[in-house]
Amino acid sequence: MSRSVWKGPFVDFGLLRSVVKKERSDAQKKGPKDPLKVYSRRSLILPDFVGLEVDIYNGRSFQKVLIKEEMIGHYFGEFAPTRKIFIPKDKVKNKGKKK
């Protein structure tokens, strides 16, 4: 089920506050900019976030993501997988051994 329209999009208040702070500090700061750390995977990506480099927490480590225009309306959690992909190991053949 999707979220009710009358409720509006959910964005963590702390995340919004830190984005505004970051924009102010980056305007004054020259040189490389530090990525914003995002713990709230359930927050929606808003148009204000486009162009920001964020580190999204996946439960174990941070995944670097650059927010693009196509990502608006999606959740941060969609871009940082939490599960490790299972890759089966090759079966080792016993060469030259007899039972």
PDB file of N, CA and C in Angstrom:
ATOM      1  N   MET A   1       0.832  -1.183   0.000  1.00  0.00           N
ATOM      2  CA  MET A   1       0.000   0.000   0.000  1.00  0.00           C
ATOM      3  C   MET A   1       0.875   1.243   0.000  1.00  0.00           C
ATOM      4  N   SER A   2       0.452   2.239  -0.726  1.00  0.00           N
ATOM      5  CA  SER A   2       1.211   3.474  -0.750  1.00  0.00           C
ATOM      6  C   SER A   2       0.735   4.407   0.360  1.00  0.00           C
ATOM      7  N   ARG A   3       1.508   5.412   0.611  1.00  0.00           N
ATOM      8  CA  ARG A   3       1.206   6.373   1.677  1.00  0.00           C
ATOM      9  C   ARG A   3       0.044   7.266   1.262  1.00  0.00           C
ATOM     10  N   SER A   4      -0.790   7.636   2.232  1.00  0.00           N
ATOM     11  CA  SER A   4      -1.940   8.500   1.960  1.00  0.00           C
ATOM     12  C   SER A   4      -1.478   9.868   1.477  1.00  0.00           C
ATOM     13  N   VAL A   5      -2.196  10.434   0.533  1.00  0.00           N
ATOM     14  CA  VAL A   5      -1.830  11.723  -0.039  1.00  0.00           C
ATOM     15  C   VAL A   5      -1.951  12.832   1.000  1.00  0.00           C
ATOM     16  N   TRP A   6      -2.965  12.748   1.858  1.00  0.00           N
ATOM     17  CA  TRP A   6      -3.178  13.824   2.813  1.00  0.00           C
ATOM     18  C   TRP A   6      -2.078  13.890   3.869  1.00  0.00           C
ATOM     19  N   LYS A   7      -1.326  12.803   4.052  1.00  0.00           N
ATOM     20  CA  LYS A   7      -0.235  12.817   5.026  1.00  0.00           C
ATOM     21  C   LYS A   7       1.004  13.532   4.482  1.00  0.00           C
ATOM     22  N   GLY A   8       1.217  13.480   3.188  1.00  0.00           N
ATOM     23  CA  GLY A   8       2.399  14.100   2.601  1.00  0.00           C
ATOM     24  C   GLY A   8       3.609  13.191   2.691  1.00  0.00           C
ATOM     25  N   PRO A   9       4.718  13.592   2.070  1.00  0.00           N
ATOM     26  CA  PRO A   9       5.922  12.758   2.076  1.00  0.00           C
ATOM     27  C   PRO A   9       6.597  12.775   3.445  1.00  0.00           C
ATOM     28  N   PHE A  10       7.187  11.633   3.831  1.00  0.00           N
ATOM     29  CA  PHE A  10       7.898  11.561   5.104  1.00  0.00           C
ATOM     30  C   PHE A  10       9.373  11.817   4.883  1.00  0.00           C
ATOM     31  N   VAL A  11       9.896  12.795   5.612  1.00  0.00           N
ATOM     32  CA  VAL A  11      11.330  13.048   5.646  1.00  0.00           C
ATOM     33  C   VAL A  11      11.691  13.303   7.100  1.00  0.00           C
ATOM     34  N   ASP A  12      12.706  12.616   7.585  1.00  0.00           N
ATOM     35  CA  ASP A  12      13.145  12.775   8.962  1.00  0.00           C
ATOM     36  C   ASP A  12      13.544  14.229   9.209  1.00  0.00           C
ATOM     37  N   PHE A  13      13.056  14.805  10.317  1.00  0.00           N
ATOM     38  CA  PHE A  13      13.314  16.217  10.600  1.00  0.00           C
ATOM     39  C   PHE A  13      14.807  16.490  10.754  1.00  0.00           C
ATOM     40  N   GLY A  14      15.521  15.584  11.406  1.00  0.00           N
ATOM     41  CA  GLY A  14      16.960  15.757  11.584  1.00  0.00           C
ATOM     42  C   GLY A  14      17.707  15.779  10.259  1.00  0.00           C
ATOM     43  N   LEU A  15      17.223  15.013   9.303  1.00  0.00           N
ATOM     44  CA  LEU A  15      17.834  14.981   7.977  1.00  0.00           C
ATOM     45  C   LEU A  15      17.630  16.314   7.258  1.00  0.00           C
ATOM     46  N   LEU A  16      16.411  16.841   7.322  1.00  0.00           N
ATOM     47  CA  LEU A  16      16.136  18.142   6.701  1.00  0.00           C
ATOM     48  C   LEU A  16      17.002  19.234   7.318  1.00  0.00           C
ATOM     49  N   ARG A  17      17.112  19.203   8.643  1.00  0.00           N
ATOM     50  CA  ARG A  17      17.895  20.213   9.350  1.00  0.00           C
ATOM     51  C   ARG A  17      19.362  20.126   8.944  1.00  0.00           C
ATOM     52  N   SER A  18      19.896  18.914   8.830  1.00  0.00           N
ATOM     53  CA  SER A  18      21.298  18.760   8.465  1.00  0.00           C
ATOM     54  C   SER A  18      21.559  19.150   7.009  1.00  0.00           C
ATOM     55  N   VAL A  19      20.584  18.951   6.122  1.00  0.00           N
ATOM     56  CA  VAL A  19      20.749  19.366   4.723  1.00  0.00           C
ATOM     57  C   VAL A  19      20.826  20.886   4.639  1.00  0.00           C
ATOM     58  N   VAL A  20      19.976  21.571   5.380  1.00  0.00           N
ATOM     59  CA  VAL A  20      19.997  23.038   5.376  1.00  0.00           C
ATOM     60  C   VAL A  20      21.319  23.546   5.942  1.00  0.00           C
ATOM     61  N   LYS A  21      21.790  22.937   7.038  1.00  0.00           N
ATOM     62  CA  LYS A  21      23.076  23.315   7.627  1.00  0.00           C
ATOM     63  C   LYS A  21      24.210  23.103   6.634  1.00  0.00           C
ATOM     64  N   LYS A  22      24.177  21.954   5.953  1.00  0.00           N
ATOM     65  CA  LYS A  22      25.236  21.611   5.011  1.00  0.00           C
ATOM     66  C   LYS A  22      25.281  22.587   3.847  1.00  0.00           C
ATOM     67  N   GLU A  23      24.120  22.980   3.344  1.00  0.00           N
ATOM     68  CA  GLU A  23      24.083  23.928   2.236  1.00  0.00           C
ATOM     69  C   GLU A  23      24.671  25.272   2.648  1.00  0.00           C
ATOM     70  N   ARG A  24      24.390  25.700   3.872  1.00  0.00           N
ATOM     71  CA  ARG A  24      24.947  26.968   4.361  1.00  0.00           C
ATOM     72  C   ARG A  24      26.464  26.881   4.516  1.00  0.00           C
ATOM     73  N   SER A  25      26.946  25.792   5.099  1.00  0.00           N
ATOM     74  CA  SER A  25      28.383  25.658   5.327  1.00  0.00           C
ATOM     75  C   SER A  25      29.144  25.449   4.015  1.00  0.00           C
ATOM     76  N   ASP A  26      28.554  24.729   3.064  1.00  0.00           N
ATOM     77  CA  ASP A  26      29.216  24.500   1.779  1.00  0.00           C
ATOM     78  C   ASP A  26      29.292  25.769   0.948  1.00  0.00           C
ATOM     79  N   ALA A  27      28.354  26.679   1.150  1.00  0.00           N
ATOM     80  CA  ALA A  27      28.389  27.940   0.417  1.00  0.00           C
ATOM     81  C   ALA A  27      29.596  28.765   0.850  1.00  0.00           C
ATOM     82  N   GLN A  28      29.975  28.657   2.115  1.00  0.00           N
ATOM     83  CA  GLN A  28      31.114  29.415   2.630  1.00  0.00           C
ATOM     84  C   GLN A  28      32.429  28.668   2.430  1.00  0.00           C
ATOM     85  N   LYS A  29      32.368  27.349   2.388  1.00  0.00           N
ATOM     86  CA  LYS A  29      33.559  26.508   2.342  1.00  0.00           C
ATOM     87  C   LYS A  29      33.996  26.250   0.899  1.00  0.00           C
ATOM     88  N   LYS A  30      35.303  26.313   0.674  1.00  0.00           N
ATOM     89  CA  LYS A  30      35.846  25.992  -0.641  1.00  0.00           C
ATOM     90  C   LYS A  30      36.598  24.674  -0.539  1.00  0.00           C
ATOM     91  N   GLY A  31      36.711  23.984  -1.648  1.00  0.00           N
ATOM     92  CA  GLY A  31      37.431  22.719  -1.653  1.00  0.00           C
ATOM     93  C   GLY A  31      36.492  21.538  -1.585  1.00  0.00           C
ATOM     94  N   PRO A  32      37.034  20.365  -1.225  1.00  0.00           N
ATOM     95  CA  PRO A  32      36.195  19.154  -1.190  1.00  0.00           C
ATOM     96  C   PRO A  32      35.139  19.233  -0.092  1.00  0.00           C
ATOM     97  N   LYS A  33      33.959  18.745  -0.421  1.00  0.00           N
ATOM     98  CA  LYS A  33      32.844  18.792   0.518  1.00  0.00           C
ATOM     99  C   LYS A  33      32.621  17.408   1.115  1.00  0.00           C
ATOM    100  N   ASP A  34      32.356  17.377   2.405  1.00  0.00           N
ATOM    101  CA  ASP A  34      32.119  16.107   3.094  1.00  0.00           C
ATOM    102  C   ASP A  34      30.728  15.593   2.763  1.00  0.00           C
ATOM    103  N   PRO A  35      30.587  14.278   2.553  1.00  0.00           N
ATOM    104  CA  PRO A  35      29.249  13.724   2.289  1.00  0.00           C
ATOM    105  C   PRO A  35      28.389  13.743   3.551  1.00  0.00           C
ATOM    106  N   LEU A  36      27.096  13.838   3.355  1.00  0.00           N
ATOM    107  CA  LEU A  36      26.126  13.861   4.450  1.00  0.00           C
ATOM    108  C   LEU A  36      25.812  12.427   4.849  1.00  0.00           C
ATOM    109  N   LYS A  37      25.869  12.109   6.143  1.00  0.00           N
ATOM    110  CA  LYS A  37      25.576  10.750   6.610  1.00  0.00           C
ATOM    111  C   LYS A  37      24.084  10.620   6.868  1.00  0.00           C
ATOM    112  N   VAL A  38      23.464   9.624   6.231  1.00  0.00           N
ATOM    113  CA  VAL A  38      22.022   9.407   6.342  1.00  0.00           C
ATOM    114  C   VAL A  38      21.778   8.064   7.019  1.00  0.00           C
ATOM    115  N   TYR A  39      21.122   8.109   8.167  1.00  0.00           N
ATOM    116  CA  TYR A  39      20.733   6.883   8.865  1.00  0.00           C
ATOM    117  C   TYR A  39      19.278   6.544   8.573  1.00  0.00           C
ATOM    118  N   SER A  40      18.495   7.541   8.168  1.00  0.00           N
ATOM    119  CA  SER A  40      17.062   7.361   7.949  1.00  0.00           C
ATOM    120  C   SER A  40      16.815   6.846   6.535  1.00  0.00           C
ATOM    121  N   ARG A  41      16.780   5.520   6.386  1.00  0.00           N
ATOM    122  CA  ARG A  41      16.551   4.901   5.084  1.00  0.00           C
ATOM    123  C   ARG A  41      15.110   5.063   4.635  1.00  0.00           C
ATOM    124  N   ARG A  42      14.213   5.359   5.576  1.00  0.00           N
ATOM    125  CA  ARG A  42      12.784   5.464   5.268  1.00  0.00           C
ATOM    126  C   ARG A  42      12.388   6.845   4.759  1.00  0.00           C
ATOM    127  N   SER A  43      13.330   7.789   4.727  1.00  0.00           N
ATOM    128  CA  SER A  43      13.021   9.143   4.271  1.00  0.00           C
ATOM    129  C   SER A  43      12.956   9.207   2.754  1.00  0.00           C
ATOM    130  N   LEU A  44      12.063  10.044   2.269  1.00  0.00           N
ATOM    131  CA  LEU A  44      11.868  10.234   0.841  1.00  0.00           C
ATOM    132  C   LEU A  44      12.896  11.234   0.312  1.00  0.00           C
ATOM    133  N   ILE A  45      13.358  11.053  -0.904  1.00  0.00           N
ATOM    134  CA  ILE A  45      14.306  11.984  -1.511  1.00  0.00           C
ATOM    135  C   ILE A  45      13.518  13.127  -2.130  1.00  0.00           C
ATOM    136  N   LEU A  46      13.830  14.339  -1.707  1.00  0.00           N
ATOM    137  CA  LEU A  46      13.142  15.543  -2.173  1.00  0.00           C
ATOM    138  C   LEU A  46      13.996  16.265  -3.210  1.00  0.00           C
ATOM    139  N   PRO A  47      13.399  17.178  -3.985  1.00  0.00           N
ATOM    140  CA  PRO A  47      14.173  17.931  -4.978  1.00  0.00           C
ATOM    141  C   PRO A  47      15.309  18.762  -4.371  1.00  0.00           C
ATOM    142  N   ASP A  48      15.209  19.106  -3.091  1.00  0.00           N
ATOM    143  CA  ASP A  48      16.274  19.876  -2.436  1.00  0.00           C
ATOM    144  C   ASP A  48      17.567  19.079  -2.298  1.00  0.00           C
ATOM    145  N   PHE A  49      17.480  17.756  -2.358  1.00  0.00           N
ATOM    146  CA  PHE A  49      18.642  16.899  -2.145  1.00  0.00           C
ATOM    147  C   PHE A  49      19.444  16.641  -3.417  1.00  0.00           C
ATOM    148  N   VAL A  50      18.960  17.067  -4.573  1.00  0.00           N
ATOM    149  CA  VAL A  50      19.633  16.777  -5.849  1.00  0.00           C
ATOM    150  C   VAL A  50      21.016  17.425  -5.865  1.00  0.00           C
ATOM    151  N   GLY A  51      22.005  16.638  -6.241  1.00  0.00           N
ATOM    152  CA  GLY A  51      23.374  17.127  -6.326  1.00  0.00           C
ATOM    153  C   GLY A  51      24.192  16.865  -5.071  1.00  0.00           C
ATOM    154  N   LEU A  52      23.547  16.440  -3.992  1.00  0.00           N
ATOM    155  CA  LEU A  52      24.276  16.155  -2.759  1.00  0.00           C
ATOM    156  C   LEU A  52      24.901  14.768  -2.823  1.00  0.00           C
ATOM    157  N   GLU A  53      26.055  14.636  -2.198  1.00  0.00           N
ATOM    158  CA  GLU A  53      26.671  13.322  -2.043  1.00  0.00           C
ATOM    159  C   GLU A  53      26.364  12.864  -0.626  1.00  0.00           C
ATOM    160  N   VAL A  54      25.736  11.708  -0.497  1.00  0.00           N
ATOM    161  CA  VAL A  54      25.333  11.215   0.817  1.00  0.00           C
ATOM    162  C   VAL A  54      25.922   9.833   1.068  1.00  0.00           C
ATOM    163  N   ASP A  55      26.110   9.527   2.342  1.00  0.00           N
ATOM    164  CA  ASP A  55      26.505   8.191   2.780  1.00  0.00           C
ATOM    165  C   ASP A  55      25.287   7.580   3.441  1.00  0.00           C
ATOM    166  N   ILE A  56      24.727   6.520   2.849  1.00  0.00           N
ATOM    167  CA  ILE A  56      23.526   5.881   3.376  1.00  0.00           C
ATOM    168  C   ILE A  56      23.946   4.659   4.183  1.00  0.00           C
ATOM    169  N   TYR A  57      23.466   4.577   5.418  1.00  0.00           N
ATOM    170  CA  TYR A  57      23.820   3.482   6.323  1.00  0.00           C
ATOM    171  C   TYR A  57      22.990   2.251   5.994  1.00  0.00           C
ATOM    172  N   ASN A  58      23.656   1.107   5.800  1.00  0.00           N
ATOM    173  CA  ASN A  58      22.933  -0.116   5.459  1.00  0.00           C
ATOM    174  C   ASN A  58      22.876  -1.103   6.623  1.00  0.00           C
ATOM    175  N   GLY A  59      23.215  -0.655   7.819  1.00  0.00           N
ATOM    176  CA  GLY A  59      23.198  -1.519   8.982  1.00  0.00           C
ATOM    177  C   GLY A  59      24.572  -1.984   9.394  1.00  0.00           C
ATOM    178  N   ARG A  60      25.528  -1.873   8.500  1.00  0.00           N
ATOM    179  CA  ARG A  60      26.886  -2.306   8.791  1.00  0.00           C
ATOM    180  C   ARG A  60      27.913  -1.262   8.370  1.00  0.00           C
ATOM    181  N   SER A  61      27.701  -0.658   7.206  1.00  0.00           N
ATOM    182  CA  SER A  61      28.643   0.333   6.697  1.00  0.00           C
ATOM    183  C   SER A  61      27.875   1.391   5.910  1.00  0.00           C
ATOM    184  N   PHE A  62      28.582   2.400   5.451  1.00  0.00           N
ATOM    185  CA  PHE A  62      27.960   3.468   4.680  1.00  0.00           C
ATOM    186  C   PHE A  62      28.224   3.260   3.189  1.00  0.00           C
ATOM    187  N   GLN A  63      27.196   3.485   2.372  1.00  0.00           N
ATOM    188  CA  GLN A  63      27.303   3.387   0.917  1.00  0.00           C
ATOM    189  C   GLN A  63      27.265   4.801   0.342  1.00  0.00           C
ATOM    190  N   LYS A  64      28.256   5.167  -0.450  1.00  0.00           N
ATOM    191  CA  LYS A  64      28.283   6.497  -1.063  1.00  0.00           C
ATOM    192  C   LYS A  64      27.321   6.544  -2.240  1.00  0.00           C
ATOM    193  N   VAL A  65      26.491   7.600  -2.268  1.00  0.00           N
ATOM    194  CA  VAL A  65      25.513   7.769  -3.339  1.00  0.00           C
ATOM    195  C   VAL A  65      25.448   9.243  -3.698  1.00  0.00           C
ATOM    196  N   LEU A  66      25.442   9.538  -4.987  1.00  0.00           N
ATOM    197  CA  LEU A  66      25.234  10.895  -5.463  1.00  0.00           C
ATOM    198  C   LEU A  66      23.776  11.005  -5.889  1.00  0.00           C
ATOM    199  N   ILE A  67      23.049  11.949  -5.302  1.00  0.00           N
ATOM    200  CA  ILE A  67      21.620  12.089  -5.568  1.00  0.00           C
ATOM    201  C   ILE A  67      21.423  12.742  -6.934  1.00  0.00           C
ATOM    202  N   LYS A  68      20.656  12.057  -7.797  1.00  0.00           N
ATOM    203  CA  LYS A  68      20.354  12.559  -9.137  1.00  0.00           C
ATOM    204  C   LYS A  68      18.872  12.882  -9.233  1.00  0.00           C
ATOM    205  N   GLU A  69      18.501  13.541 -10.294  1.00  0.00           N
ATOM    206  CA  GLU A  69      17.112  13.965 -10.470  1.00  0.00           C
ATOM    207  C   GLU A  69      16.157  12.781 -10.613  1.00  0.00           C
ATOM    208  N   GLU A  70      16.638  11.665 -11.160  1.00  0.00           N
ATOM    209  CA  GLU A  70      15.778  10.490 -11.340  1.00  0.00           C
ATOM    210  C   GLU A  70      15.408   9.840 -10.008  1.00  0.00           C
ATOM    211  N   MET A  71      16.136  10.154  -8.951  1.00  0.00           N
ATOM    212  CA  MET A  71      15.915   9.530  -7.645  1.00  0.00           C
ATOM    213  C   MET A  71      14.817  10.210  -6.827  1.00  0.00           C
ATOM    214  N   ILE A  72      14.326  11.346  -7.283  1.00  0.00           N
ATOM    215  CA  ILE A  72      13.295  12.081  -6.535  1.00  0.00           C
ATOM    216  C   ILE A  72      12.048  11.209  -6.421  1.00  0.00           C
ATOM    217  N   GLY A  73      11.502  11.126  -5.210  1.00  0.00           N
ATOM    218  CA  GLY A  73      10.305  10.330  -4.968  1.00  0.00           C
ATOM    219  C   GLY A  73      10.593   8.920  -4.497  1.00  0.00           C
ATOM    220  N   HIS A  74      11.859   8.505  -4.515  1.00  0.00           N
ATOM    221  CA  HIS A  74      12.251   7.196  -4.007  1.00  0.00           C
ATOM    222  C   HIS A  74      12.789   7.356  -2.589  1.00  0.00           C
ATOM    223  N   TYR A  75      12.965   6.236  -1.907  1.00  0.00           N
ATOM    224  CA  TYR A  75      13.487   6.260  -0.550  1.00  0.00           C
ATOM    225  C   TYR A  75      14.996   6.052  -0.565  1.00  0.00           C
ATOM    226  N   PHE A  76      15.689   6.602   0.444  1.00  0.00           N
ATOM    227  CA  PHE A  76      17.138   6.440   0.537  1.00  0.00           C
ATOM    228  C   PHE A  76      17.521   4.967   0.621  1.00  0.00           C
ATOM    229  N   GLY A  77      16.714   4.172   1.295  1.00  0.00           N
ATOM    230  CA  GLY A  77      17.012   2.759   1.487  1.00  0.00           C
ATOM    231  C   GLY A  77      17.064   1.949   0.208  1.00  0.00           C
ATOM    232  N   GLU A  78      16.452   2.446  -0.852  1.00  0.00           N
ATOM    233  CA  GLU A  78      16.450   1.718  -2.123  1.00  0.00           C
ATOM    234  C   GLU A  78      17.825   1.690  -2.777  1.00  0.00           C
ATOM    235  N   PHE A  79      18.709   2.596  -2.371  1.00  0.00           N
ATOM    236  CA  PHE A  79      19.996   2.740  -3.040  1.00  0.00           C
ATOM    237  C   PHE A  79      21.163   2.206  -2.216  1.00  0.00           C
ATOM    238  N   ALA A  80      20.871   1.556  -1.097  1.00  0.00           N
ATOM    239  CA  ALA A  80      21.915   0.943  -0.277  1.00  0.00           C
ATOM    240  C   ALA A  80      21.440  -0.440   0.154  1.00  0.00           C
ATOM    241  N   PRO A  81      21.814  -1.490  -0.571  1.00  0.00           N
ATOM    242  CA  PRO A  81      21.342  -2.837  -0.228  1.00  0.00           C
ATOM    243  C   PRO A  81      21.860  -3.285   1.139  1.00  0.00           C
ATOM    244  N   THR A  82      21.008  -4.002   1.867  1.00  0.00           N
ATOM    245  CA  THR A  82      21.367  -4.450   3.212  1.00  0.00           C
ATOM    246  C   THR A  82      21.819  -5.898   3.239  1.00  0.00           C
ATOM    247  N   ARG A  83      21.526  -6.638   2.207  1.00  0.00           N
ATOM    248  CA  ARG A  83      21.864  -8.059   2.192  1.00  0.00           C
ATOM    249  C   ARG A  83      23.028  -8.330   1.240  1.00  0.00           C
ATOM    250  N   LYS A  84      23.875  -9.247   1.652  1.00  0.00           N
ATOM    251  CA  LYS A  84      25.008  -9.631   0.828  1.00  0.00           C
ATOM    252  C   LYS A  84      24.531 -10.629  -0.220  1.00  0.00           C
ATOM    253  N   ILE A  85      24.984 -10.480  -1.443  1.00  0.00           N
ATOM    254  CA  ILE A  85      24.590 -11.373  -2.527  1.00  0.00           C
ATOM    255  C   ILE A  85      25.327 -12.703  -2.369  1.00  0.00           C
ATOM    256  N   PHE A  86      24.575 -13.791  -2.411  1.00  0.00           N
ATOM    257  CA  PHE A  86      25.161 -15.118  -2.264  1.00  0.00           C
ATOM    258  C   PHE A  86      25.776 -15.557  -3.581  1.00  0.00           C
ATOM    259  N   ILE A  87      27.046 -15.916  -3.523  1.00  0.00           N
ATOM    260  CA  ILE A  87      27.745 -16.431  -4.698  1.00  0.00           C
ATOM    261  C   ILE A  87      28.242 -17.830  -4.352  1.00  0.00           C
ATOM    262  N   PRO A  88      27.689 -18.862  -4.983  1.00  0.00           N
ATOM    263  CA  PRO A  88      28.114 -20.222  -4.645  1.00  0.00           C
ATOM    264  C   PRO A  88      29.558 -20.472  -5.078  1.00  0.00           C
ATOM    265  N   LYS A  89      30.288 -21.184  -4.223  1.00  0.00           N
ATOM    266  CA  LYS A  89      31.675 -21.509  -4.540  1.00  0.00           C
ATOM    267  C   LYS A  89      31.703 -22.697  -5.493  1.00  0.00           C
ATOM    268  N   ASP A  90      32.714 -22.750  -6.317  1.00  0.00           N
ATOM    269  CA  ASP A  90      32.865 -23.871  -7.243  1.00  0.00           C
ATOM    270  C   ASP A  90      33.142 -25.142  -6.454  1.00  0.00           C
ATOM    271  N   LYS A  91      32.569 -26.232  -6.900  1.00  0.00           N
ATOM    272  CA  LYS A  91      32.804 -27.506  -6.228  1.00  0.00           C
ATOM    273  C   LYS A  91      34.221 -27.977  -6.541  1.00  0.00           C
ATOM    274  N   VAL A  92      34.915 -28.322  -5.483  1.00  0.00           N
ATOM    275  CA  VAL A  92      36.288 -28.793  -5.656  1.00  0.00           C
ATOM    276  C   VAL A  92      36.240 -30.276  -5.995  1.00  0.00           C
ATOM    277  N   LYS A  93      36.825 -30.631  -7.130  1.00  0.00           N
ATOM    278  CA  LYS A  93      36.839 -32.029  -7.558  1.00  0.00           C
ATOM    279  C   LYS A  93      38.073 -32.713  -6.980  1.00  0.00           C
ATOM    280  N   ASN A  94      37.858 -33.906  -6.489  1.00  0.00           N
ATOM    281  CA  ASN A  94      38.969 -34.694  -5.951  1.00  0.00           C
ATOM    282  C   ASN A  94      39.661 -35.410  -7.103  1.00  0.00           C
ATOM    283  N   LYS A  95      40.707 -34.831  -7.590  1.00  0.00           N
ATOM    284  CA  LYS A  95      41.427 -35.419  -8.714  1.00  0.00           C
ATOM    285  C   LYS A  95      42.446 -36.434  -8.200  1.00  0.00           C
ATOM    286  N   GLY A  96      42.409 -37.615  -8.758  1.00  0.00           N
ATOM    287  CA  GLY A  96      43.390 -38.644  -8.433  1.00  0.00           C
ATOM    288  C   GLY A  96      43.119 -39.400  -7.149  1.00  0.00           C
ATOM    289  N   LYS A  97      42.087 -39.056  -6.418  1.00  0.00           N
ATOM    290  CA  LYS A  97      41.791 -39.765  -5.168  1.00  0.00           C
ATOM    291  C   LYS A  97      40.729 -40.817  -5.419  1.00  0.00           C
ATOM    292  N   LYS A  98      40.959 -42.001  -4.861  1.00  0.00           N
ATOM    293  CA  LYS A  98      39.992 -43.084  -4.990  1.00  0.00           C
ATOM    294  C   LYS A  98      39.404 -43.380  -3.628  1.00  0.00           C
ATOM    295  N   LYS A  99      38.187 -43.833  -3.624  1.00  0.00           N
ATOM    296  CA  LYS A  99      37.520 -44.137  -2.358  1.00  0.00           C
ATOM    297  C   LYS A  99      37.907 -45.459  -1.814  1.00  0.00           C
TER     298      LYS A  99
END
